[in-house]
């Protein structure tokens, strides 16, 4: 069974950047990422800018990101084989 990687906030921002998300704003230690969909709607994700994210937080970000990105495309970045 694949295991969730231990990622940092900047690593998650970089991964989501590969799928078109760009930093929009930051308040405290949370970075808000946005992108426009093909239909013109705004898609937003928030990522804590911490040195190491808890596994539950990483999994929650993964689940939220799968609303906009296919899980098969995102899974190799978040899980080990």
PDB file of N, CA and C in Angstrom:
ATOM      1  N   UNK A   1       0.852  -1.182   0.000  1.00  0.00           N
ATOM      2  CA  UNK A   1       0.000   0.000   0.000  1.00  0.00           C
ATOM      3  C   UNK A   1       0.898   1.245   0.000  1.00  0.00           C
ATOM      4  N   UNK A   2       0.575   2.236  -0.823  1.00  0.00           N
ATOM      5  CA  UNK A   2       1.395   3.448  -0.876  1.00  0.00           C
ATOM      6  C   UNK A   2       1.371   4.202   0.446  1.00  0.00           C
ATOM      7  N   UNK A   3       2.502   4.803   0.765  1.00  0.00           N
ATOM      8  CA  UNK A   3       2.628   5.546   2.008  1.00  0.00           C
ATOM      9  C   UNK A   3       2.739   7.038   1.688  1.00  0.00           C
ATOM     10  N   UNK A   4       2.089   7.852   2.488  1.00  0.00           N
ATOM     11  CA  UNK A   4       2.111   9.299   2.298  1.00  0.00           C
ATOM     12  C   UNK A   4       3.500   9.840   2.607  1.00  0.00           C
ATOM     13  N   UNK A   5       4.026  10.683   1.729  1.00  0.00           N
ATOM     14  CA  UNK A   5       5.349  11.279   1.941  1.00  0.00           C
ATOM     15  C   UNK A   5       5.269  12.367   3.006  1.00  0.00           C
ATOM     16  N   UNK A   6       6.390  12.627   3.663  1.00  0.00           N
ATOM     17  CA  UNK A   6       6.507  13.765   4.590  1.00  0.00           C
ATOM     18  C   UNK A   6       6.984  14.947   3.766  1.00  0.00           C
ATOM     19  N   UNK A   7       6.114  15.896   3.532  1.00  0.00           N
ATOM     20  CA  UNK A   7       6.416  17.051   2.689  1.00  0.00           C
ATOM     21  C   UNK A   7       6.433  18.330   3.510  1.00  0.00           C
ATOM     22  N   UNK A   8       7.133  19.331   2.993  1.00  0.00           N
ATOM     23  CA  UNK A   8       7.106  20.657   3.607  1.00  0.00           C
ATOM     24  C   UNK A   8       6.101  21.521   2.845  1.00  0.00           C
ATOM     25  N   UNK A   9       5.748  22.646   3.424  1.00  0.00           N
ATOM     26  CA  UNK A   9       4.836  23.568   2.756  1.00  0.00           C
ATOM     27  C   UNK A   9       5.368  24.039   1.405  1.00  0.00           C
ATOM     28  N   UNK A  10       6.638  24.483   1.331  1.00  0.00           N
ATOM     29  CA  UNK A  10       7.180  24.904   0.037  1.00  0.00           C
ATOM     30  C   UNK A  10       7.206  23.783  -1.006  1.00  0.00           C
ATOM     31  N   UNK A  11       7.402  22.530  -0.585  1.00  0.00           N
ATOM     32  CA  UNK A  11       7.368  21.412  -1.532  1.00  0.00           C
ATOM     33  C   UNK A  11       5.966  21.235  -2.102  1.00  0.00           C
ATOM     34  N   UNK A  12       4.951  21.368  -1.267  1.00  0.00           N
ATOM     35  CA  UNK A  12       3.569  21.233  -1.734  1.00  0.00           C
ATOM     36  C   UNK A  12       3.231  22.379  -2.686  1.00  0.00           C
ATOM     37  N   UNK A  13       3.680  23.589  -2.375  1.00  0.00           N
ATOM     38  CA  UNK A  13       3.443  24.740  -3.264  1.00  0.00           C
ATOM     39  C   UNK A  13       4.096  24.476  -4.625  1.00  0.00           C
ATOM     40  N   UNK A  14       5.311  23.917  -4.628  1.00  0.00           N
ATOM     41  CA  UNK A  14       6.010  23.605  -5.881  1.00  0.00           C
ATOM     42  C   UNK A  14       5.252  22.540  -6.669  1.00  0.00           C
ATOM     43  N   UNK A  15       4.774  21.491  -5.983  1.00  0.00           N
ATOM     44  CA  UNK A  15       4.021  20.421  -6.645  1.00  0.00           C
ATOM     45  C   UNK A  15       2.758  20.980  -7.291  1.00  0.00           C
ATOM     46  N   UNK A  16       2.013  21.780  -6.546  1.00  0.00           N
ATOM     47  CA  UNK A  16       0.776  22.346  -7.089  1.00  0.00           C
ATOM     48  C   UNK A  16       1.072  23.347  -8.202  1.00  0.00           C
ATOM     49  N   UNK A  17       2.240  23.979  -8.160  1.00  0.00           N
ATOM     50  CA  UNK A  17       2.661  24.874  -9.234  1.00  0.00           C
ATOM     51  C   UNK A  17       2.827  24.142 -10.554  1.00  0.00           C
ATOM     52  N   UNK A  18       3.180  22.863 -10.496  1.00  0.00           N
ATOM     53  CA  UNK A  18       3.297  22.062 -11.718  1.00  0.00           C
ATOM     54  C   UNK A  18       1.957  21.917 -12.425  1.00  0.00           C
ATOM     55  N   UNK A  19       0.872  22.080 -11.675  1.00  0.00           N
ATOM     56  CA  UNK A  19      -0.477  21.930 -12.221  1.00  0.00           C
ATOM     57  C   UNK A  19      -1.153  23.281 -12.461  1.00  0.00           C
ATOM     58  N   UNK A  20      -0.375  24.358 -12.450  1.00  0.00           N
ATOM     59  CA  UNK A  20      -0.913  25.664 -12.803  1.00  0.00           C
ATOM     60  C   UNK A  20      -1.302  26.559 -11.643  1.00  0.00           C
ATOM     61  N   UNK A  21      -1.155  26.108 -10.411  1.00  0.00           N
ATOM     62  CA  UNK A  21      -1.485  26.946  -9.261  1.00  0.00           C
ATOM     63  C   UNK A  21      -0.325  27.887  -8.977  1.00  0.00           C
ATOM     64  N   UNK A  22      -0.634  29.128  -8.649  1.00  0.00           N
ATOM     65  CA  UNK A  22       0.387  30.128  -8.334  1.00  0.00           C
ATOM     66  C   UNK A  22       0.023  30.807  -7.021  1.00  0.00           C
ATOM     67  N   UNK A  23       1.038  31.179  -6.238  1.00  0.00           N
ATOM     68  CA  UNK A  23       0.754  31.897  -4.988  1.00  0.00           C
ATOM     69  C   UNK A  23      -0.006  33.191  -5.268  1.00  0.00           C
ATOM     70  N   UNK A  24      -1.090  33.378  -4.543  1.00  0.00           N
ATOM     71  CA  UNK A  24      -1.914  34.574  -4.717  1.00  0.00           C
ATOM     72  C   UNK A  24      -1.711  35.535  -3.560  1.00  0.00           C
ATOM     73  N   UNK A  25      -1.698  35.001  -2.345  1.00  0.00           N
ATOM     74  CA  UNK A  25      -1.495  35.827  -1.161  1.00  0.00           C
ATOM     75  C   UNK A  25      -0.990  34.953  -0.027  1.00  0.00           C
ATOM     76  N   UNK A  26      -0.520  35.610   1.011  1.00  0.00           N
ATOM     77  CA  UNK A  26      -0.065  34.893   2.197  1.00  0.00           C
ATOM     78  C   UNK A  26      -0.476  35.683   3.423  1.00  0.00           C
ATOM     79  N   UNK A  27      -1.002  34.978   4.390  1.00  0.00           N
ATOM     80  CA  UNK A  27      -1.364  35.600   5.658  1.00  0.00           C
ATOM     81  C   UNK A  27      -0.786  34.731   6.752  1.00  0.00           C
ATOM     82  N   UNK A  28       0.168  35.265   7.470  1.00  0.00           N
ATOM     83  CA  UNK A  28       0.851  34.472   8.478  1.00  0.00           C
ATOM     84  C   UNK A  28       1.635  33.363   7.810  1.00  0.00           C
ATOM     85  N   UNK A  29       1.400  32.137   8.235  1.00  0.00           N
ATOM     86  CA  UNK A  29       2.143  31.014   7.675  1.00  0.00           C
ATOM     87  C   UNK A  29       1.340  30.222   6.646  1.00  0.00           C
ATOM     88  N   UNK A  30       0.261  30.779   6.132  1.00  0.00           N
ATOM     89  CA  UNK A  30      -0.555  30.082   5.150  1.00  0.00           C
ATOM     90  C   UNK A  30      -0.499  30.793   3.800  1.00  0.00           C
ATOM     91  N   UNK A  31      -0.209  30.006   2.763  1.00  0.00           N
ATOM     92  CA  UNK A  31      -0.118  30.530   1.401  1.00  0.00           C
ATOM     93  C   UNK A  31      -1.395  30.148   0.663  1.00  0.00           C
ATOM     94  N   UNK A  32      -2.011  31.113   0.015  1.00  0.00           N
ATOM     95  CA  UNK A  32      -3.208  30.860  -0.775  1.00  0.00           C
ATOM     96  C   UNK A  32      -2.785  30.753  -2.240  1.00  0.00           C
ATOM     97  N   UNK A  33      -3.109  29.618  -2.863  1.00  0.00           N
ATOM     98  CA  UNK A  33      -2.765  29.362  -4.257  1.00  0.00           C
ATOM     99  C   UNK A  33      -4.034  29.432  -5.098  1.00  0.00           C
ATOM    100  N   UNK A  34      -3.922  30.031  -6.281  1.00  0.00           N
ATOM    101  CA  UNK A  34      -5.080  30.143  -7.167  1.00  0.00           C
ATOM    102  C   UNK A  34      -4.699  29.793  -8.592  1.00  0.00           C
ATOM    103  N   UNK A  35      -5.696  29.348  -9.350  1.00  0.00           N
ATOM    104  CA  UNK A  35      -5.582  29.183 -10.793  1.00  0.00           C
ATOM    105  C   UNK A  35      -6.965  29.340 -11.391  1.00  0.00           C
ATOM    106  N   UNK A  36      -7.004  29.656 -12.645  1.00  0.00           N
ATOM    107  CA  UNK A  36      -8.271  29.782 -13.372  1.00  0.00           C
ATOM    108  C   UNK A  36      -8.505  28.504 -14.157  1.00  0.00           C
ATOM    109  N   UNK A  37      -9.714  27.968 -14.087  1.00  0.00           N
ATOM    110  CA  UNK A  37     -10.050  26.765 -14.842  1.00  0.00           C
ATOM    111  C   UNK A  37     -10.370  27.151 -16.282  1.00  0.00           C
ATOM    112  N   UNK A  38     -10.545  26.149 -17.117  1.00  0.00           N
ATOM    113  CA  UNK A  38     -10.888  26.391 -18.510  1.00  0.00           C
ATOM    114  C   UNK A  38     -12.219  27.116 -18.652  1.00  0.00           C
ATOM    115  N   UNK A  39     -13.118  26.911 -17.683  1.00  0.00           N
ATOM    116  CA  UNK A  39     -14.424  27.562 -17.714  1.00  0.00           C
ATOM    117  C   UNK A  39     -14.366  28.977 -17.128  1.00  0.00           C
ATOM    118  N   UNK A  40     -13.178  29.380 -16.655  1.00  0.00           N
ATOM    119  CA  UNK A  40     -13.027  30.728 -16.123  1.00  0.00           C
ATOM    120  C   UNK A  40     -13.285  30.864 -14.635  1.00  0.00           C
ATOM    121  N   UNK A  41     -13.590  29.767 -13.956  1.00  0.00           N
ATOM    122  CA  UNK A  41     -13.829  29.863 -12.517  1.00  0.00           C
ATOM    123  C   UNK A  41     -12.500  29.795 -11.762  1.00  0.00           C
ATOM    124  N   UNK A  42     -12.461  30.446 -10.625  1.00  0.00           N
ATOM    125  CA  UNK A  42     -11.259  30.502  -9.802  1.00  0.00           C
ATOM    126  C   UNK A  42     -11.194  29.279  -8.897  1.00  0.00           C
ATOM    127  N   UNK A  43     -10.032  28.623  -8.866  1.00  0.00           N
ATOM    128  CA  UNK A  43      -9.815  27.467  -8.011  1.00  0.00           C
ATOM    129  C   UNK A  43      -8.774  27.856  -6.967  1.00  0.00           C
ATOM    130  N   UNK A  44      -9.079  27.648  -5.695  1.00  0.00           N
ATOM    131  CA  UNK A  44      -8.228  28.098  -4.600  1.00  0.00           C
ATOM    132  C   UNK A  44      -7.878  26.946  -3.662  1.00  0.00           C
ATOM    133  N   UNK A  45      -6.617  26.895  -3.268  1.00  0.00           N
ATOM    134  CA  UNK A  45      -6.140  25.955  -2.266  1.00  0.00           C
ATOM    135  C   UNK A  45      -5.284  26.720  -1.267  1.00  0.00           C
ATOM    136  N   UNK A  46      -5.326  26.334  -0.003  1.00  0.00           N
ATOM    137  CA  UNK A  46      -4.526  26.966   1.028  1.00  0.00           C
ATOM    138  C   UNK A  46      -3.553  25.938   1.594  1.00  0.00           C
ATOM    139  N   UNK A  47      -2.280  26.329   1.691  1.00  0.00           N
ATOM    140  CA  UNK A  47      -1.226  25.429   2.157  1.00  0.00           C
ATOM    141  C   UNK A  47      -0.467  26.103   3.291  1.00  0.00           C
ATOM    142  N   UNK A  48      -0.282  25.417   4.433  1.00  0.00           N
ATOM    143  CA  UNK A  48       0.550  25.973   5.498  1.00  0.00           C
ATOM    144  C   UNK A  48       2.010  25.999   5.046  1.00  0.00           C
ATOM    145  N   UNK A  49       2.697  27.077   5.290  1.00  0.00           N
ATOM    146  CA  UNK A  49       4.091  27.230   4.871  1.00  0.00           C
ATOM    147  C   UNK A  49       5.009  26.778   6.011  1.00  0.00           C
ATOM    148  N   UNK A  50       4.887  25.503   6.393  1.00  0.00           N
ATOM    149  CA  UNK A  50       5.654  24.959   7.509  1.00  0.00           C
ATOM    150  C   UNK A  50       6.807  24.113   7.003  1.00  0.00           C
ATOM    151  N   UNK A  51       7.805  23.934   7.848  1.00  0.00           N
ATOM    152  CA  UNK A  51       8.990  23.150   7.483  1.00  0.00           C
ATOM    153  C   UNK A  51       8.626  21.696   7.211  1.00  0.00           C
ATOM    154  N   UNK A  52       7.710  21.136   7.986  1.00  0.00           N
ATOM    155  CA  UNK A  52       7.242  19.770   7.773  1.00  0.00           C
ATOM    156  C   UNK A  52       5.759  19.715   8.119  1.00  0.00           C
ATOM    157  N   UNK A  53       4.952  19.205   7.193  1.00  0.00           N
ATOM    158  CA  UNK A  53       3.510  19.116   7.405  1.00  0.00           C
ATOM    159  C   UNK A  53       3.178  17.776   8.044  1.00  0.00           C
ATOM    160  N   UNK A  54       2.196  17.768   8.932  1.00  0.00           N
ATOM    161  CA  UNK A  54       1.705  16.519   9.501  1.00  0.00           C
ATOM    162  C   UNK A  54       1.099  15.675   8.391  1.00  0.00           C
ATOM    163  N   UNK A  55       1.076  14.371   8.587  1.00  0.00           N
ATOM    164  CA  UNK A  55       0.537  13.494   7.546  1.00  0.00           C
ATOM    165  C   UNK A  55      -0.948  13.767   7.308  1.00  0.00           C
ATOM    166  N   UNK A  56      -1.678  14.072   8.358  1.00  0.00           N
ATOM    167  CA  UNK A  56      -3.104  14.388   8.198  1.00  0.00           C
ATOM    168  C   UNK A  56      -3.318  15.648   7.383  1.00  0.00           C
ATOM    169  N   UNK A  57      -2.465  16.638   7.583  1.00  0.00           N
ATOM    170  CA  UNK A  57      -2.550  17.885   6.820  1.00  0.00           C
ATOM    171  C   UNK A  57      -2.226  17.626   5.359  1.00  0.00           C
ATOM    172  N   UNK A  58      -1.174  16.839   5.110  1.00  0.00           N
ATOM    173  CA  UNK A  58      -0.803  16.490   3.728  1.00  0.00           C
ATOM    174  C   UNK A  58      -1.947  15.747   3.033  1.00  0.00           C
ATOM    175  N   UNK A  59      -2.542  14.816   3.759  1.00  0.00           N
ATOM    176  CA  UNK A  59      -3.641  14.051   3.173  1.00  0.00           C
ATOM    177  C   UNK A  59      -4.838  14.949   2.889  1.00  0.00           C
ATOM    178  N   UNK A  60      -5.110  15.886   3.772  1.00  0.00           N
ATOM    179  CA  UNK A  60      -6.213  16.832   3.554  1.00  0.00           C
ATOM    180  C   UNK A  60      -5.972  17.717   2.340  1.00  0.00           C
ATOM    181  N   UNK A  61      -4.741  18.173   2.164  1.00  0.00           N
ATOM    182  CA  UNK A  61      -4.400  18.990   0.990  1.00  0.00           C
ATOM    183  C   UNK A  61      -4.557  18.148  -0.267  1.00  0.00           C
ATOM    184  N   UNK A  62      -4.111  16.892  -0.211  1.00  0.00           N
ATOM    185  CA  UNK A  62      -4.258  15.983  -1.349  1.00  0.00           C
ATOM    186  C   UNK A  62      -5.731  15.819  -1.726  1.00  0.00           C
ATOM    187  N   UNK A  63      -6.582  15.582  -0.722  1.00  0.00           N
ATOM    188  CA  UNK A  63      -8.018  15.406  -0.993  1.00  0.00           C
ATOM    189  C   UNK A  63      -8.634  16.664  -1.585  1.00  0.00           C
ATOM    190  N   UNK A  64      -8.266  17.834  -1.064  1.00  0.00           N
ATOM    191  CA  UNK A  64      -8.807  19.083  -1.604  1.00  0.00           C
ATOM    192  C   UNK A  64      -8.322  19.313  -3.028  1.00  0.00           C
ATOM    193  N   UNK A  65      -7.062  18.996  -3.285  1.00  0.00           N
ATOM    194  CA  UNK A  65      -6.507  19.209  -4.617  1.00  0.00           C
ATOM    195  C   UNK A  65      -7.142  18.285  -5.648  1.00  0.00           C
ATOM    196  N   UNK A  66      -7.607  17.114  -5.216  1.00  0.00           N
ATOM    197  CA  UNK A  66      -8.234  16.192  -6.173  1.00  0.00           C
ATOM    198  C   UNK A  66      -9.588  16.696  -6.663  1.00  0.00           C
ATOM    199  N   UNK A  67     -10.093  17.760  -6.068  1.00  0.00           N
ATOM    200  CA  UNK A  67     -11.303  18.391  -6.625  1.00  0.00           C
ATOM    201  C   UNK A  67     -10.991  19.029  -7.967  1.00  0.00           C
ATOM    202  N   UNK A  68      -9.740  19.443  -8.161  1.00  0.00           N
ATOM    203  CA  UNK A  68      -9.336  20.169  -9.359  1.00  0.00           C
ATOM    204  C   UNK A  68      -8.362  19.399 -10.245  1.00  0.00           C
ATOM    205  N   UNK A  69      -7.621  18.452  -9.657  1.00  0.00           N
ATOM    206  CA  UNK A  69      -6.590  17.706 -10.376  1.00  0.00           C
ATOM    207  C   UNK A  69      -6.908  16.222 -10.236  1.00  0.00           C
ATOM    208  N   UNK A  70      -6.742  15.469 -11.313  1.00  0.00           N
ATOM    209  CA  UNK A  70      -7.001  14.026 -11.264  1.00  0.00           C
ATOM    210  C   UNK A  70      -6.069  13.367 -10.241  1.00  0.00           C
ATOM    211  N   UNK A  71      -6.620  12.499  -9.410  1.00  0.00           N
ATOM    212  CA  UNK A  71      -5.823  11.881  -8.350  1.00  0.00           C
ATOM    213  C   UNK A  71      -4.686  11.031  -8.920  1.00  0.00           C
ATOM    214  N   UNK A  72      -4.875  10.444 -10.095  1.00  0.00           N
ATOM    215  CA  UNK A  72      -3.813   9.651 -10.716  1.00  0.00           C
ATOM    216  C   UNK A  72      -2.610  10.524 -11.089  1.00  0.00           C
ATOM    217  N   UNK A  73      -2.837  11.780 -11.440  1.00  0.00           N
ATOM    218  CA  UNK A  73      -1.747  12.701 -11.759  1.00  0.00           C
ATOM    219  C   UNK A  73      -1.055  13.208 -10.499  1.00  0.00           C
ATOM    220  N   UNK A  74      -1.807  13.373  -9.437  1.00  0.00           N
ATOM    221  CA  UNK A  74      -1.303  13.956  -8.203  1.00  0.00           C
ATOM    222  C   UNK A  74      -0.649  12.926  -7.281  1.00  0.00           C
ATOM    223  N   UNK A  75      -1.117  11.693  -7.325  1.00  0.00           N
ATOM    224  CA  UNK A  75      -0.674  10.630  -6.405  1.00  0.00           C
ATOM    225  C   UNK A  75       0.840  10.419  -6.391  1.00  0.00           C
ATOM    226  N   UNK A  76       1.561  10.382  -7.524  1.00  0.00           N
ATOM    227  CA  UNK A  76       3.005  10.131  -7.466  1.00  0.00           C
ATOM    228  C   UNK A  76       3.779  11.197  -6.693  1.00  0.00           C
ATOM    229  N   UNK A  77       3.246  12.397  -6.581  1.00  0.00           N
ATOM    230  CA  UNK A  77       3.923  13.483  -5.869  1.00  0.00           C
ATOM    231  C   UNK A  77       3.705  13.408  -4.353  1.00  0.00           C
ATOM    232  N   UNK A  78       2.586  12.815  -3.933  1.00  0.00           N
ATOM    233  CA  UNK A  78       2.227  12.775  -2.518  1.00  0.00           C
ATOM    234  C   UNK A  78       2.488  11.419  -1.851  1.00  0.00           C
ATOM    235  N   UNK A  79       2.523  10.340  -2.639  1.00  0.00           N
ATOM    236  CA  UNK A  79       2.653   8.986  -2.084  1.00  0.00           C
ATOM    237  C   UNK A  79       3.883   8.282  -2.643  1.00  0.00           C
ATOM    238  N   UNK A  80       4.462   7.387  -1.814  1.00  0.00           N
ATOM    239  CA  UNK A  80       5.549   6.529  -2.278  1.00  0.00           C
ATOM    240  C   UNK A  80       4.925   5.269  -2.870  1.00  0.00           C
ATOM    241  N   UNK A  81       5.673   4.567  -3.661  1.00  0.00           N
ATOM    242  CA  UNK A  81       5.161   3.322  -4.263  1.00  0.00           C
ATOM    243  C   UNK A  81       5.231   2.154  -3.347  1.00  0.00           C
TER     244      UNK A  81
END
